[in-house]
Amino acid sequence: MLTLILVKILLAAAVGIIIGTISNRRTAPVFVIVCMGAALLTIVSTEYFKIMSFPWYGDPGRLSAQAISAIGFIGTGMIWISERNEVEGLNEAASLWLTAILGMIIGVGLQSQSIIALLVVLSFYWLFDLVMKWLRRRKTKTGV
């Protein structure tokens, strides 16, 4: 059991590093902490109610729901209006929220699903980057 928990924590750290590095290198440690924290919170909430002999007594989902609210609060602090009146940090906040959810998926024991979701996210980042480069080249060539 202890080995499985360690694997979950290390996988959560790896997922946090990957998404954090892609999103913003400066805040990558925050992504690691959030992903690991969400995984630990989910592990604690599910294991605690297994130990208790009263599965009907509590709802392990409540703790996870509060974590999502907390991440929303933290994400709000990452969003601001720049001097050019443009919204900044929205992508980073959404990535942090997704990282927390992936941590919860890992914590509940769905490691393969979290890896699939991570691959989908990485594919999206890669595809979006290609489209943006293509649009910039097109704009440079046409001047529009």
N, C-alpha and C. Protein backbone atom coordinates (compact mmCIF):
# COMPACT_ATOMS: atom_id res chain seq x y z
N MET A 1 0.83 -1.20 0.00
CA MET A 1 0.00 0.00 0.00
C MET A 1 0.87 1.25 0.00
N LEU A 2 1.92 1.24 0.81
CA LEU A 2 2.80 2.39 0.88
C LEU A 2 3.50 2.64 -0.45
N THR A 3 3.87 1.56 -1.13
CA THR A 3 4.51 1.68 -2.44
C THR A 3 3.55 2.31 -3.45
N LEU A 4 2.30 1.91 -3.41
CA LEU A 4 1.31 2.46 -4.34
C LEU A 4 1.10 3.95 -4.09
N ILE A 5 1.07 4.34 -2.83
CA ILE A 5 0.93 5.76 -2.50
C ILE A 5 2.13 6.54 -3.01
N LEU A 6 3.33 5.98 -2.84
CA LEU A 6 4.54 6.64 -3.33
C LEU A 6 4.51 6.78 -4.85
N VAL A 7 4.06 5.75 -5.55
CA VAL A 7 3.95 5.82 -7.01
C VAL A 7 2.97 6.91 -7.42
N LYS A 8 1.84 7.00 -6.72
CA LYS A 8 0.85 8.04 -7.02
C LYS A 8 1.44 9.43 -6.82
N ILE A 9 2.16 9.62 -5.73
CA ILE A 9 2.75 10.94 -5.44
C ILE A 9 3.79 11.30 -6.49
N LEU A 10 4.64 10.35 -6.86
CA LEU A 10 5.67 10.62 -7.87
C LEU A 10 5.05 10.89 -9.24
N LEU A 11 4.01 10.15 -9.59
CA LEU A 11 3.32 10.40 -10.86
C LEU A 11 2.68 11.78 -10.86
N ALA A 12 2.08 12.15 -9.74
CA ALA A 12 1.49 13.49 -9.62
C ALA A 12 2.56 14.57 -9.77
N ALA A 13 3.74 14.35 -9.18
CA ALA A 13 4.83 15.31 -9.33
C ALA A 13 5.26 15.43 -10.79
N ALA A 14 5.35 14.30 -11.47
CA ALA A 14 5.75 14.31 -12.89
C ALA A 14 4.72 15.04 -13.74
N VAL A 15 3.45 14.78 -13.50
CA VAL A 15 2.38 15.46 -14.25
C VAL A 15 2.44 16.96 -13.98
N GLY A 16 2.63 17.34 -12.73
CA GLY A 16 2.73 18.75 -12.38
C GLY A 16 3.91 19.44 -13.04
N ILE A 17 5.05 18.76 -13.08
CA ILE A 17 6.24 19.32 -13.73
C ILE A 17 5.97 19.52 -15.23
N ILE A 18 5.39 18.52 -15.87
CA ILE A 18 5.16 18.60 -17.31
C ILE A 18 4.20 19.74 -17.66
N ILE A 19 3.05 19.77 -17.01
CA ILE A 19 2.08 20.83 -17.33
C ILE A 19 2.60 22.19 -16.89
N GLY A 20 3.24 22.25 -15.74
CA GLY A 20 3.78 23.52 -15.25
C GLY A 20 4.85 24.09 -16.15
N THR A 21 5.71 23.23 -16.68
CA THR A 21 6.77 23.69 -17.57
C THR A 21 6.20 24.19 -18.89
N ILE A 22 5.19 23.53 -19.39
CA ILE A 22 4.56 23.96 -20.64
C ILE A 22 3.81 25.27 -20.43
N SER A 23 3.11 25.37 -19.32
CA SER A 23 2.28 26.55 -19.07
C SER A 23 3.14 27.78 -18.79
N ASN A 24 4.05 27.68 -17.84
CA ASN A 24 4.90 28.82 -17.49
C ASN A 24 6.03 28.29 -16.62
N ARG A 25 7.24 28.36 -17.12
CA ARG A 25 8.39 27.79 -16.41
C ARG A 25 8.60 28.39 -15.02
N ARG A 26 8.29 29.67 -14.87
CA ARG A 26 8.51 30.31 -13.57
C ARG A 26 7.62 29.75 -12.47
N THR A 27 6.42 29.34 -12.83
CA THR A 27 5.48 28.85 -11.83
C THR A 27 5.35 27.33 -11.83
N ALA A 28 6.26 26.63 -12.49
CA ALA A 28 6.19 25.17 -12.53
C ALA A 28 6.16 24.53 -11.14
N PRO A 29 6.93 25.04 -10.16
CA PRO A 29 6.83 24.43 -8.83
C PRO A 29 5.43 24.50 -8.22
N VAL A 30 4.68 25.54 -8.53
CA VAL A 30 3.31 25.64 -8.03
C VAL A 30 2.47 24.50 -8.60
N PHE A 31 2.66 24.19 -9.86
CA PHE A 31 1.90 23.11 -10.50
C PHE A 31 2.24 21.77 -9.85
N VAL A 32 3.51 21.56 -9.52
CA VAL A 32 3.92 20.32 -8.86
C VAL A 32 3.24 20.21 -7.50
N ILE A 33 3.29 21.29 -6.73
CA ILE A 33 2.70 21.29 -5.39
C ILE A 33 1.19 21.06 -5.47
N VAL A 34 0.53 21.72 -6.39
CA VAL A 34 -0.93 21.56 -6.53
C VAL A 34 -1.29 20.14 -6.94
N CYS A 35 -0.58 19.57 -7.90
CA CYS A 35 -0.89 18.22 -8.36
C CYS A 35 -0.64 17.19 -7.26
N MET A 36 0.49 17.33 -6.57
CA MET A 36 0.78 16.41 -5.47
C MET A 36 -0.21 16.60 -4.32
N GLY A 37 -0.53 17.84 -4.01
CA GLY A 37 -1.48 18.11 -2.94
C GLY A 37 -2.86 17.54 -3.24
N ALA A 38 -3.30 17.69 -4.48
CA ALA A 38 -4.60 17.15 -4.87
C ALA A 38 -4.60 15.62 -4.80
N ALA A 39 -3.49 15.02 -5.22
CA ALA A 39 -3.38 13.55 -5.14
C ALA A 39 -3.41 13.10 -3.68
N LEU A 40 -2.64 13.77 -2.83
CA LEU A 40 -2.62 13.40 -1.41
C LEU A 40 -3.98 13.60 -0.76
N LEU A 41 -4.63 14.69 -1.08
CA LEU A 41 -5.96 14.96 -0.52
C LEU A 41 -6.94 13.86 -0.91
N THR A 42 -6.88 13.44 -2.15
CA THR A 42 -7.78 12.39 -2.62
C THR A 42 -7.44 11.05 -1.97
N ILE A 43 -6.15 10.77 -1.84
CA ILE A 43 -5.74 9.53 -1.17
C ILE A 43 -6.25 9.52 0.27
N VAL A 44 -6.04 10.61 0.98
CA VAL A 44 -6.47 10.69 2.37
C VAL A 44 -7.99 10.55 2.47
N SER A 45 -8.71 11.26 1.62
CA SER A 45 -10.17 11.22 1.73
C SER A 45 -10.74 9.84 1.41
N THR A 46 -10.14 9.12 0.47
CA THR A 46 -10.66 7.79 0.15
C THR A 46 -10.19 6.74 1.16
N GLU A 47 -8.94 6.81 1.58
CA GLU A 47 -8.41 5.81 2.52
C GLU A 47 -9.01 5.97 3.91
N TYR A 48 -9.29 7.19 4.32
CA TYR A 48 -9.85 7.44 5.64
C TYR A 48 -11.20 6.75 5.80
N PHE A 49 -12.02 6.84 4.79
CA PHE A 49 -13.35 6.24 4.90
C PHE A 49 -13.32 4.73 4.71
N LYS A 50 -12.23 4.20 4.15
CA LYS A 50 -12.08 2.74 4.10
C LYS A 50 -11.75 2.20 5.48
N ILE A 51 -10.91 2.94 6.21
CA ILE A 51 -10.50 2.51 7.55
C ILE A 51 -11.70 2.54 8.50
N MET A 52 -12.50 3.58 8.39
CA MET A 52 -13.70 3.64 9.22
C MET A 52 -14.63 2.51 8.79
N SER A 53 -15.31 1.94 9.71
CA SER A 53 -16.21 0.84 9.38
C SER A 53 -17.59 1.34 8.97
N PHE A 54 -17.69 2.64 8.74
CA PHE A 54 -18.98 3.23 8.40
C PHE A 54 -18.91 3.91 7.03
N PRO A 55 -18.97 3.17 5.93
CA PRO A 55 -18.86 3.81 4.62
C PRO A 55 -20.00 4.80 4.34
N TRP A 56 -21.12 4.63 5.01
CA TRP A 56 -22.26 5.53 4.83
C TRP A 56 -22.13 6.78 5.69
N TYR A 57 -21.16 6.79 6.60
CA TYR A 57 -21.03 7.87 7.58
C TYR A 57 -20.53 9.17 6.96
N GLY A 58 -19.67 9.06 5.98
CA GLY A 58 -19.10 10.26 5.38
C GLY A 58 -19.01 10.15 3.88
N ASP A 59 -18.72 11.25 3.28
CA ASP A 59 -18.62 11.31 1.83
C ASP A 59 -17.23 11.80 1.46
N PRO A 60 -16.37 10.91 0.94
CA PRO A 60 -15.01 11.33 0.59
C PRO A 60 -14.97 12.36 -0.53
N GLY A 61 -16.04 12.47 -1.30
CA GLY A 61 -16.09 13.44 -2.38
C GLY A 61 -16.16 14.88 -1.90
N ARG A 62 -16.59 15.08 -0.67
CA ARG A 62 -16.70 16.45 -0.16
C ARG A 62 -15.34 17.14 -0.07
N LEU A 63 -14.35 16.41 0.38
CA LEU A 63 -13.02 16.99 0.51
C LEU A 63 -12.47 17.37 -0.86
N SER A 64 -12.67 16.51 -1.84
CA SER A 64 -12.20 16.80 -3.20
C SER A 64 -12.93 18.00 -3.79
N ALA A 65 -14.21 18.11 -3.50
CA ALA A 65 -14.98 19.26 -4.01
C ALA A 65 -14.44 20.57 -3.44
N GLN A 66 -14.03 20.55 -2.20
CA GLN A 66 -13.47 21.75 -1.59
C GLN A 66 -12.11 22.10 -2.21
N ALA A 67 -11.37 21.09 -2.61
CA ALA A 67 -10.08 21.34 -3.27
C ALA A 67 -10.29 22.06 -4.59
N ILE A 68 -11.31 21.68 -5.34
CA ILE A 68 -11.60 22.34 -6.62
C ILE A 68 -11.94 23.81 -6.38
N SER A 69 -12.71 24.09 -5.34
CA SER A 69 -13.03 25.49 -5.01
C SER A 69 -11.78 26.26 -4.63
N ALA A 70 -10.90 25.63 -3.87
CA ALA A 70 -9.66 26.30 -3.46
C ALA A 70 -8.77 26.60 -4.66
N ILE A 71 -8.69 25.67 -5.59
CA ILE A 71 -7.88 25.90 -6.79
C ILE A 71 -8.47 27.02 -7.63
N GLY A 72 -9.79 27.10 -7.67
CA GLY A 72 -10.43 28.23 -8.37
C GLY A 72 -10.05 29.55 -7.74
N PHE A 73 -9.97 29.58 -6.43
CA PHE A 73 -9.57 30.79 -5.72
C PHE A 73 -8.12 31.15 -6.05
N ILE A 74 -7.24 30.17 -6.03
CA ILE A 74 -5.83 30.41 -6.37
C ILE A 74 -5.71 30.86 -7.83
N GLY A 75 -6.45 30.21 -8.71
CA GLY A 75 -6.42 30.56 -10.13
C GLY A 75 -6.87 31.98 -10.38
N THR A 76 -7.83 32.46 -9.59
CA THR A 76 -8.29 33.83 -9.74
C THR A 76 -7.15 34.81 -9.50
N GLY A 77 -6.27 34.48 -8.59
CA GLY A 77 -5.11 35.33 -8.32
C GLY A 77 -4.09 35.35 -9.44
N MET A 78 -4.18 34.40 -10.36
CA MET A 78 -3.24 34.34 -11.48
C MET A 78 -3.71 35.16 -12.68
N ILE A 79 -4.94 35.63 -12.65
CA ILE A 79 -5.52 36.35 -13.79
C ILE A 79 -5.48 37.84 -13.50
N TRP A 80 -5.05 38.63 -14.47
CA TRP A 80 -4.98 40.08 -14.30
C TRP A 80 -5.21 40.77 -15.64
N ILE A 81 -5.41 42.07 -15.58
CA ILE A 81 -5.55 42.90 -16.79
C ILE A 81 -4.22 43.61 -17.00
N SER A 82 -3.63 43.44 -18.18
CA SER A 82 -2.33 44.05 -18.45
C SER A 82 -2.47 45.55 -18.72
N GLU A 83 -1.34 46.20 -18.89
CA GLU A 83 -1.33 47.64 -19.19
C GLU A 83 -1.98 47.92 -20.54
N ARG A 84 -2.02 46.92 -21.42
CA ARG A 84 -2.65 47.07 -22.74
C ARG A 84 -4.13 46.70 -22.69
N ASN A 85 -4.68 46.56 -21.49
CA ASN A 85 -6.08 46.17 -21.27
C ASN A 85 -6.41 44.80 -21.86
N GLU A 86 -5.47 43.88 -21.75
CA GLU A 86 -5.68 42.51 -22.19
C GLU A 86 -5.70 41.59 -20.98
N VAL A 87 -6.53 40.57 -21.04
CA VAL A 87 -6.59 39.60 -19.95
C VAL A 87 -5.37 38.69 -20.04
N GLU A 88 -4.64 38.57 -18.96
CA GLU A 88 -3.43 37.74 -18.91
C GLU A 88 -3.61 36.67 -17.84
N GLY A 89 -2.94 35.55 -18.01
CA GLY A 89 -2.92 34.51 -17.00
C GLY A 89 -4.08 33.53 -17.02
N LEU A 90 -5.00 33.70 -17.94
CA LEU A 90 -6.17 32.83 -17.99
C LEU A 90 -5.77 31.39 -18.35
N ASN A 91 -4.88 31.25 -19.31
CA ASN A 91 -4.41 29.92 -19.70
C ASN A 91 -3.69 29.24 -18.54
N GLU A 92 -2.87 30.00 -17.84
CA GLU A 92 -2.13 29.44 -16.71
C GLU A 92 -3.08 29.01 -15.59
N ALA A 93 -4.09 29.81 -15.31
CA ALA A 93 -5.07 29.46 -14.27
C ALA A 93 -5.85 28.21 -14.65
N ALA A 94 -6.25 28.11 -15.90
CA ALA A 94 -6.98 26.92 -16.36
C ALA A 94 -6.09 25.69 -16.32
N SER A 95 -4.82 25.87 -16.65
CA SER A 95 -3.87 24.76 -16.59
C SER A 95 -3.67 24.29 -15.16
N LEU A 96 -3.63 25.22 -14.22
CA LEU A 96 -3.49 24.87 -12.81
C LEU A 96 -4.71 24.07 -12.34
N TRP A 97 -5.89 24.50 -12.76
CA TRP A 97 -7.13 23.81 -12.40
C TRP A 97 -7.11 22.39 -12.95
N LEU A 98 -6.71 22.24 -14.21
CA LEU A 98 -6.61 20.92 -14.83
C LEU A 98 -5.59 20.06 -14.10
N THR A 99 -4.48 20.66 -13.70
CA THR A 99 -3.44 19.93 -12.98
C THR A 99 -3.98 19.37 -11.67
N ALA A 100 -4.78 20.15 -10.97
CA ALA A 100 -5.39 19.67 -9.72
C ALA A 100 -6.32 18.49 -9.99
N ILE A 101 -7.09 18.58 -11.05
CA ILE A 101 -8.01 17.48 -11.38
C ILE A 101 -7.22 16.22 -11.75
N LEU A 102 -6.14 16.38 -12.50
CA LEU A 102 -5.30 15.23 -12.82
C LEU A 102 -4.71 14.62 -11.55
N GLY A 103 -4.31 15.47 -10.60
CA GLY A 103 -3.82 14.97 -9.32
C GLY A 103 -4.87 14.16 -8.59
N MET A 104 -6.11 14.61 -8.65
CA MET A 104 -7.20 13.87 -8.01
C MET A 104 -7.44 12.53 -8.70
N ILE A 105 -7.36 12.54 -10.02
CA ILE A 105 -7.53 11.29 -10.77
C ILE A 105 -6.43 10.30 -10.38
N ILE A 106 -5.22 10.79 -10.24
CA ILE A 106 -4.10 9.94 -9.82
C ILE A 106 -4.35 9.43 -8.40
N GLY A 107 -4.76 10.33 -7.51
CA GLY A 107 -4.98 9.96 -6.12
C GLY A 107 -6.04 8.90 -5.92
N VAL A 108 -7.05 8.89 -6.79
CA VAL A 108 -8.13 7.92 -6.65
C VAL A 108 -7.74 6.57 -7.27
N GLY A 109 -6.60 6.53 -7.97
CA GLY A 109 -6.10 5.26 -8.49
C GLY A 109 -6.27 5.06 -9.98
N LEU A 110 -6.61 6.11 -10.69
CA LEU A 110 -6.81 6.01 -12.14
C LEU A 110 -5.59 6.55 -12.88
N GLN A 111 -4.44 5.93 -12.64
CA GLN A 111 -3.19 6.43 -13.21
C GLN A 111 -3.18 6.39 -14.73
N SER A 112 -3.67 5.31 -15.32
CA SER A 112 -3.64 5.21 -16.79
C SER A 112 -4.54 6.28 -17.42
N GLN A 113 -5.68 6.56 -16.81
CA GLN A 113 -6.55 7.60 -17.33
C GLN A 113 -5.90 8.97 -17.22
N SER A 114 -5.14 9.19 -16.15
CA SER A 114 -4.47 10.48 -16.00
C SER A 114 -3.38 10.65 -17.05
N ILE A 115 -2.70 9.58 -17.39
CA ILE A 115 -1.67 9.65 -18.43
C ILE A 115 -2.31 9.92 -19.79
N ILE A 116 -3.43 9.27 -20.07
CA ILE A 116 -4.15 9.53 -21.32
C ILE A 116 -4.59 10.99 -21.39
N ALA A 117 -5.14 11.50 -20.29
CA ALA A 117 -5.57 12.90 -20.25
C ALA A 117 -4.38 13.83 -20.44
N LEU A 118 -3.24 13.50 -19.83
CA LEU A 118 -2.04 14.31 -19.99
C LEU A 118 -1.60 14.33 -21.45
N LEU A 119 -1.64 13.18 -22.11
CA LEU A 119 -1.26 13.12 -23.53
C LEU A 119 -2.20 13.96 -24.39
N VAL A 120 -3.48 13.96 -24.07
CA VAL A 120 -4.44 14.79 -24.81
C VAL A 120 -4.11 16.26 -24.60
N VAL A 121 -3.80 16.65 -23.37
CA VAL A 121 -3.45 18.04 -23.07
C VAL A 121 -2.18 18.44 -23.82
N LEU A 122 -1.17 17.58 -23.79
CA LEU A 122 0.08 17.87 -24.50
C LEU A 122 -0.16 18.00 -26.00
N SER A 123 -1.02 17.14 -26.54
CA SER A 123 -1.36 17.22 -27.97
C SER A 123 -2.03 18.54 -28.29
N PHE A 124 -2.92 18.98 -27.40
CA PHE A 124 -3.60 20.25 -27.61
C PHE A 124 -2.59 21.40 -27.61
N TYR A 125 -1.69 21.42 -26.63
CA TYR A 125 -0.68 22.48 -26.59
C TYR A 125 0.16 22.48 -27.87
N TRP A 126 0.57 21.30 -28.32
CA TRP A 126 1.39 21.18 -29.52
C TRP A 126 0.62 21.65 -30.76
N LEU A 127 -0.63 21.20 -30.90
CA LEU A 127 -1.44 21.59 -32.04
C LEU A 127 -1.73 23.09 -32.04
N PHE A 128 -2.05 23.64 -30.90
CA PHE A 128 -2.32 25.07 -30.78
C PHE A 128 -1.08 25.88 -31.16
N ASP A 129 0.09 25.41 -30.73
CA ASP A 129 1.34 26.09 -31.07
C ASP A 129 1.57 26.08 -32.59
N LEU A 130 1.31 24.96 -33.23
CA LEU A 130 1.45 24.87 -34.69
C LEU A 130 0.51 25.83 -35.40
N VAL A 131 -0.74 25.87 -34.97
CA VAL A 131 -1.72 26.76 -35.60
C VAL A 131 -1.31 28.22 -35.42
N MET A 132 -0.85 28.58 -34.24
CA MET A 132 -0.43 29.97 -33.99
C MET A 132 0.78 30.35 -34.85
N LYS A 133 1.74 29.45 -35.00
CA LYS A 133 2.89 29.72 -35.86
C LYS A 133 2.44 29.89 -37.31
N TRP A 134 1.53 29.04 -37.76
CA TRP A 134 1.02 29.13 -39.13
C TRP A 134 0.31 30.46 -39.34
N LEU A 135 -0.51 30.88 -38.38
CA LEU A 135 -1.21 32.16 -38.50
C LEU A 135 -0.24 33.34 -38.51
N ARG A 136 0.81 33.28 -37.71
CA ARG A 136 1.80 34.36 -37.70
C ARG A 136 2.52 34.45 -39.04
N ARG A 137 2.90 33.29 -39.60
CA ARG A 137 3.57 33.28 -40.91
C ARG A 137 2.64 33.82 -41.99
N ARG A 138 1.40 33.43 -41.92
CA ARG A 138 0.41 33.90 -42.90
C ARG A 138 0.21 35.40 -42.79
N LYS A 139 0.17 35.89 -41.57
CA LYS A 139 -0.01 37.33 -41.35
C LYS A 139 1.20 38.10 -41.87
N THR A 140 2.40 37.55 -41.66
CA THR A 140 3.62 38.21 -42.14
C THR A 140 3.66 38.26 -43.66
N LYS A 141 3.25 37.18 -44.32
CA LYS A 141 3.28 37.12 -45.78
C LYS A 141 2.23 38.03 -46.41
N THR A 142 1.04 38.06 -45.86
CA THR A 142 -0.04 38.84 -46.46
C THR A 142 -0.14 40.25 -45.90
N GLY A 143 0.42 40.46 -44.72
CA GLY A 143 0.34 41.78 -44.11
C GLY A 143 -1.00 42.05 -43.45
N VAL A 144 -1.83 41.03 -43.36
CA VAL A 144 -3.16 41.19 -42.76
C VAL A 144 -3.24 40.45 -41.46
